[in-house]
């Protein structure tokens, strides 16, 4: 299975057992504007027959928008991230020591609210929150927190 993209890329797809579908990841030239496009896909079956199909895909290079709320809790802070659109992954880390890192988990089925507890020592800290959307675009925000 091979995809031919309108900007000149030719890329073989790989079968994903978990999703039971053909997939491909690729880099898009910066000159390609965001939007919906079609790729031509050539499928060579086991019996040698060939099928040609068109597949739509979306280019999305915009960073995700999100709001961070921190709630003081014994031994650290609860970090809550709310996004207007579904996101894929959220992490929070102590800015001065990124090894103190957590992954936040969806608080509901919409995947627009994520929460987690970040253990921190007493004092004032800066926490860096990174949000990745479903297109794997990332945005980050730093927030000041105090643990008493």
C-alpha atoms as a PDB file:
ATOM      1  CA  UNK A   1       0.000   0.000   0.000  1.00  0.00           C
ATOM      2  CA  UNK A   2       1.590   3.251  -1.169  1.00  0.00           C
ATOM      3  CA  UNK A   3       0.306   6.825  -0.824  1.00  0.00           C
ATOM      4  CA  UNK A   4       1.108   9.582  -3.302  1.00  0.00           C
ATOM      5  CA  UNK A   5       0.692  13.042  -1.787  1.00  0.00           C
ATOM      6  CA  UNK A   6      -0.057  16.160  -3.850  1.00  0.00           C
ATOM      7  CA  UNK A   7       3.126  17.887  -2.644  1.00  0.00           C
ATOM      8  CA  UNK A   8       5.305  15.174  -4.229  1.00  0.00           C
ATOM      9  CA  UNK A   9       5.878  12.679  -1.419  1.00  0.00           C
ATOM     10  CA  UNK A  10       5.532   8.933  -2.075  1.00  0.00           C
ATOM     11  CA  UNK A  11       5.219   6.908   1.146  1.00  0.00           C
ATOM     12  CA  UNK A  12       4.551   3.214   1.899  1.00  0.00           C
ATOM     13  CA  UNK A  13       1.936   2.561   4.571  1.00  0.00           C
ATOM     14  CA  UNK A  14       2.380   0.106   7.462  1.00  0.00           C
ATOM     15  CA  UNK A  15      -0.279  -2.212   8.860  1.00  0.00           C
ATOM     16  CA  UNK A  16      -1.200  -1.307  12.461  1.00  0.00           C
ATOM     17  CA  UNK A  17      -2.307  -4.482  14.266  1.00  0.00           C
ATOM     18  CA  UNK A  18      -3.834  -2.602  17.208  1.00  0.00           C
ATOM     19  CA  UNK A  19      -6.042  -0.374  15.031  1.00  0.00           C
ATOM     20  CA  UNK A  20      -6.394  -2.962  12.240  1.00  0.00           C
ATOM     21  CA  UNK A  21      -5.745  -0.402   9.505  1.00  0.00           C
ATOM     22  CA  UNK A  22      -3.012   0.901   7.239  1.00  0.00           C
ATOM     23  CA  UNK A  23      -1.178   3.995   8.518  1.00  0.00           C
ATOM     24  CA  UNK A  24       1.609   6.359   7.573  1.00  0.00           C
ATOM     25  CA  UNK A  25       3.329   9.274   9.315  1.00  0.00           C
ATOM     26  CA  UNK A  26       5.003  11.897   7.209  1.00  0.00           C
ATOM     27  CA  UNK A  27       6.429  15.388   7.334  1.00  0.00           C
ATOM     28  CA  UNK A  28       4.726  18.103   5.355  1.00  0.00           C
ATOM     29  CA  UNK A  29       6.700  20.945   3.776  1.00  0.00           C
ATOM     30  CA  UNK A  30       6.177  24.245   5.621  1.00  0.00           C
ATOM     31  CA  UNK A  31       4.856  25.732   2.370  1.00  0.00           C
ATOM     32  CA  UNK A  32       1.741  23.502   2.535  1.00  0.00           C
ATOM     33  CA  UNK A  33      -1.081  25.438   4.186  1.00  0.00           C
ATOM     34  CA  UNK A  34      -3.477  23.892   6.676  1.00  0.00           C
ATOM     35  CA  UNK A  35      -6.534  22.296   5.113  1.00  0.00           C
ATOM     36  CA  UNK A  36      -8.086  19.100   3.788  1.00  0.00           C
ATOM     37  CA  UNK A  37      -6.281  17.302   0.950  1.00  0.00           C
ATOM     38  CA  UNK A  38      -6.527  14.059  -1.019  1.00  0.00           C
ATOM     39  CA  UNK A  39      -3.784  11.492  -1.513  1.00  0.00           C
ATOM     40  CA  UNK A  40      -3.863   8.800  -4.180  1.00  0.00           C
ATOM     41  CA  UNK A  41      -3.357   5.355  -2.654  1.00  0.00           C
ATOM     42  CA  UNK A  42      -2.243   2.346  -4.689  1.00  0.00           C
ATOM     43  CA  UNK A  43      -3.047  -1.053  -3.180  1.00  0.00           C
ATOM     44  CA  UNK A  44      -1.405  -4.180  -4.595  1.00  0.00           C
ATOM     45  CA  UNK A  45      -3.326  -7.201  -3.281  1.00  0.00           C
ATOM     46  CA  UNK A  46      -1.860 -10.615  -2.592  1.00  0.00           C
ATOM     47  CA  UNK A  47      -3.270 -11.976  -5.858  1.00  0.00           C
ATOM     48  CA  UNK A  48      -1.480  -9.204  -7.817  1.00  0.00           C
ATOM     49  CA  UNK A  49      -4.576  -7.147  -8.546  1.00  0.00           C
ATOM     50  CA  UNK A  50      -4.227  -3.399  -8.153  1.00  0.00           C
ATOM     51  CA  UNK A  51      -6.731  -0.968  -6.671  1.00  0.00           C
ATOM     52  CA  UNK A  52      -6.404   2.813  -6.720  1.00  0.00           C
ATOM     53  CA  UNK A  53      -8.240   4.892  -4.126  1.00  0.00           C
ATOM     54  CA  UNK A  54      -8.336   8.476  -2.922  1.00  0.00           C
ATOM     55  CA  UNK A  55      -8.013   9.230   0.776  1.00  0.00           C
ATOM     56  CA  UNK A  56      -8.696  12.558   2.454  1.00  0.00           C
ATOM     57  CA  UNK A  57      -6.375  13.840   5.158  1.00  0.00           C
ATOM     58  CA  UNK A  58      -6.117  17.036   7.162  1.00  0.00           C
ATOM     59  CA  UNK A  59      -3.050  19.208   7.700  1.00  0.00           C
ATOM     60  CA  UNK A  60      -3.263  20.975  11.060  1.00  0.00           C
ATOM     61  CA  UNK A  61      -0.205  22.866  12.293  1.00  0.00           C
ATOM     62  CA  UNK A  62      -1.843  25.063  14.919  1.00  0.00           C
ATOM     63  CA  UNK A  63      -0.890  24.721  18.576  1.00  0.00           C
ATOM     64  CA  UNK A  64      -3.601  23.545  20.939  1.00  0.00           C
ATOM     65  CA  UNK A  65      -5.249  26.142  23.160  1.00  0.00           C
ATOM     66  CA  UNK A  66      -5.678  25.331  26.846  1.00  0.00           C
ATOM     67  CA  UNK A  67      -6.228  26.756  30.323  1.00  0.00           C
ATOM     68  CA  UNK A  68      -4.251  25.601  33.391  1.00  0.00           C
ATOM     69  CA  UNK A  69      -5.619  25.587  36.930  1.00  0.00           C
ATOM     70  CA  UNK A  70      -3.588  24.512  39.965  1.00  0.00           C
ATOM     71  CA  UNK A  71      -5.091  23.544  43.296  1.00  0.00           C
ATOM     72  CA  UNK A  72      -2.882  23.377  46.365  1.00  0.00           C
ATOM     73  CA  UNK A  73      -2.987  19.969  48.016  1.00  0.00           C
ATOM     74  CA  UNK A  74      -0.932  18.371  50.819  1.00  0.00           C
ATOM     75  CA  UNK A  75       2.531  17.585  49.409  1.00  0.00           C
ATOM     76  CA  UNK A  76       2.044  19.243  46.021  1.00  0.00           C
ATOM     77  CA  UNK A  77      -0.560  20.541  43.596  1.00  0.00           C
ATOM     78  CA  UNK A  78      -3.392  19.161  41.543  1.00  0.00           C
ATOM     79  CA  UNK A  79      -2.947  20.314  37.958  1.00  0.00           C
ATOM     80  CA  UNK A  80      -6.118  20.617  35.864  1.00  0.00           C
ATOM     81  CA  UNK A  81      -5.958  21.435  32.157  1.00  0.00           C
ATOM     82  CA  UNK A  82      -9.036  22.369  30.145  1.00  0.00           C
ATOM     83  CA  UNK A  83      -8.976  22.654  26.355  1.00  0.00           C
ATOM     84  CA  UNK A  84     -11.742  23.775  23.979  1.00  0.00           C
ATOM     85  CA  UNK A  85     -10.953  20.812  21.698  1.00  0.00           C
ATOM     86  CA  UNK A  86      -9.977  17.194  22.294  1.00  0.00           C
ATOM     87  CA  UNK A  87      -6.271  16.704  23.129  1.00  0.00           C
ATOM     88  CA  UNK A  88      -4.076  13.615  23.055  1.00  0.00           C
ATOM     89  CA  UNK A  89      -1.621  14.031  25.936  1.00  0.00           C
ATOM     90  CA  UNK A  90      -0.866  16.407  28.806  1.00  0.00           C
ATOM     91  CA  UNK A  91       2.230  16.472  31.022  1.00  0.00           C
ATOM     92  CA  UNK A  92       3.326  18.708  33.889  1.00  0.00           C
ATOM     93  CA  UNK A  93       6.843  19.042  35.283  1.00  0.00           C
ATOM     94  CA  UNK A  94       8.799  21.156  37.706  1.00  0.00           C
ATOM     95  CA  UNK A  95      10.496  23.685  35.415  1.00  0.00           C
ATOM     96  CA  UNK A  96      13.751  23.646  37.413  1.00  0.00           C
ATOM     97  CA  UNK A  97      13.866  19.821  37.550  1.00  0.00           C
ATOM     98  CA  UNK A  98      11.987  18.177  34.634  1.00  0.00           C
ATOM     99  CA  UNK A  99      12.601  14.738  36.173  1.00  0.00           C
ATOM    100  CA  UNK A 100       9.746  15.637  38.550  1.00  0.00           C
ATOM    101  CA  UNK A 101       7.147  15.008  35.857  1.00  0.00           C
ATOM    102  CA  UNK A 102       3.674  13.530  35.659  1.00  0.00           C
ATOM    103  CA  UNK A 103       1.273  12.638  32.914  1.00  0.00           C
ATOM    104  CA  UNK A 104      -2.207  14.014  33.413  1.00  0.00           C
ATOM    105  CA  UNK A 105      -5.171  11.772  32.660  1.00  0.00           C
ATOM    106  CA  UNK A 106      -8.574  12.547  31.139  1.00  0.00           C
ATOM    107  CA  UNK A 107     -11.105  13.578  33.773  1.00  0.00           C
ATOM    108  CA  UNK A 108     -13.996  12.734  31.450  1.00  0.00           C
ATOM    109  CA  UNK A 109     -14.787  11.036  28.141  1.00  0.00           C
ATOM    110  CA  UNK A 110     -14.477  14.230  26.082  1.00  0.00           C
ATOM    111  CA  UNK A 111     -10.654  14.344  26.515  1.00  0.00           C
ATOM    112  CA  UNK A 112     -10.920  18.106  27.010  1.00  0.00           C
ATOM    113  CA  UNK A 113     -10.235  18.061  30.775  1.00  0.00           C
ATOM    114  CA  UNK A 114      -7.109  16.398  32.210  1.00  0.00           C
ATOM    115  CA  UNK A 115      -5.968  16.144  35.841  1.00  0.00           C
ATOM    116  CA  UNK A 116      -3.047  14.890  37.869  1.00  0.00           C
ATOM    117  CA  UNK A 117      -1.227  15.360  41.173  1.00  0.00           C
ATOM    118  CA  UNK A 118       2.329  16.710  41.039  1.00  0.00           C
ATOM    119  CA  UNK A 119       4.251  16.060  44.269  1.00  0.00           C
ATOM    120  CA  UNK A 120       6.422  19.065  45.150  1.00  0.00           C
ATOM    121  CA  UNK A 121       8.446  20.184  48.165  1.00  0.00           C
ATOM    122  CA  UNK A 122       7.381  23.190  50.238  1.00  0.00           C
ATOM    123  CA  UNK A 123       7.970  26.559  48.642  1.00  0.00           C
ATOM    124  CA  UNK A 124       7.386  28.518  45.452  1.00  0.00           C
ATOM    125  CA  UNK A 125       7.793  26.688  42.154  1.00  0.00           C
ATOM    126  CA  UNK A 126       7.285  27.085  38.434  1.00  0.00           C
ATOM    127  CA  UNK A 127       5.473  24.222  36.703  1.00  0.00           C
ATOM    128  CA  UNK A 128       5.666  23.698  32.944  1.00  0.00           C
ATOM    129  CA  UNK A 129       2.559  22.172  31.359  1.00  0.00           C
ATOM    130  CA  UNK A 130       2.790  20.694  27.846  1.00  0.00           C
ATOM    131  CA  UNK A 131      -0.302  19.806  25.812  1.00  0.00           C
ATOM    132  CA  UNK A 132      -0.207  17.743  22.592  1.00  0.00           C
ATOM    133  CA  UNK A 133      -3.262  17.669  20.340  1.00  0.00           C
ATOM    134  CA  UNK A 134      -4.402  14.786  18.155  1.00  0.00           C
ATOM    135  CA  UNK A 135      -2.228  16.086  15.285  1.00  0.00           C
ATOM    136  CA  UNK A 136       0.732  16.000  17.736  1.00  0.00           C
ATOM    137  CA  UNK A 137       1.115  19.775  17.738  1.00  0.00           C
ATOM    138  CA  UNK A 138       2.415  20.936  21.123  1.00  0.00           C
ATOM    139  CA  UNK A 139       2.033  24.056  23.219  1.00  0.00           C
ATOM    140  CA  UNK A 140       3.392  24.803  26.665  1.00  0.00           C
ATOM    141  CA  UNK A 141       2.625  27.149  29.497  1.00  0.00           C
ATOM    142  CA  UNK A 142       4.442  27.926  32.750  1.00  0.00           C
ATOM    143  CA  UNK A 143       2.507  28.557  35.954  1.00  0.00           C
ATOM    144  CA  UNK A 144       3.683  29.690  39.372  1.00  0.00           C
ATOM    145  CA  UNK A 145       2.571  27.546  42.317  1.00  0.00           C
ATOM    146  CA  UNK A 146       3.118  27.641  46.050  1.00  0.00           C
ATOM    147  CA  UNK A 147       3.176  24.570  48.270  1.00  0.00           C
ATOM    148  CA  UNK A 148       2.675  25.342  51.982  1.00  0.00           C
END
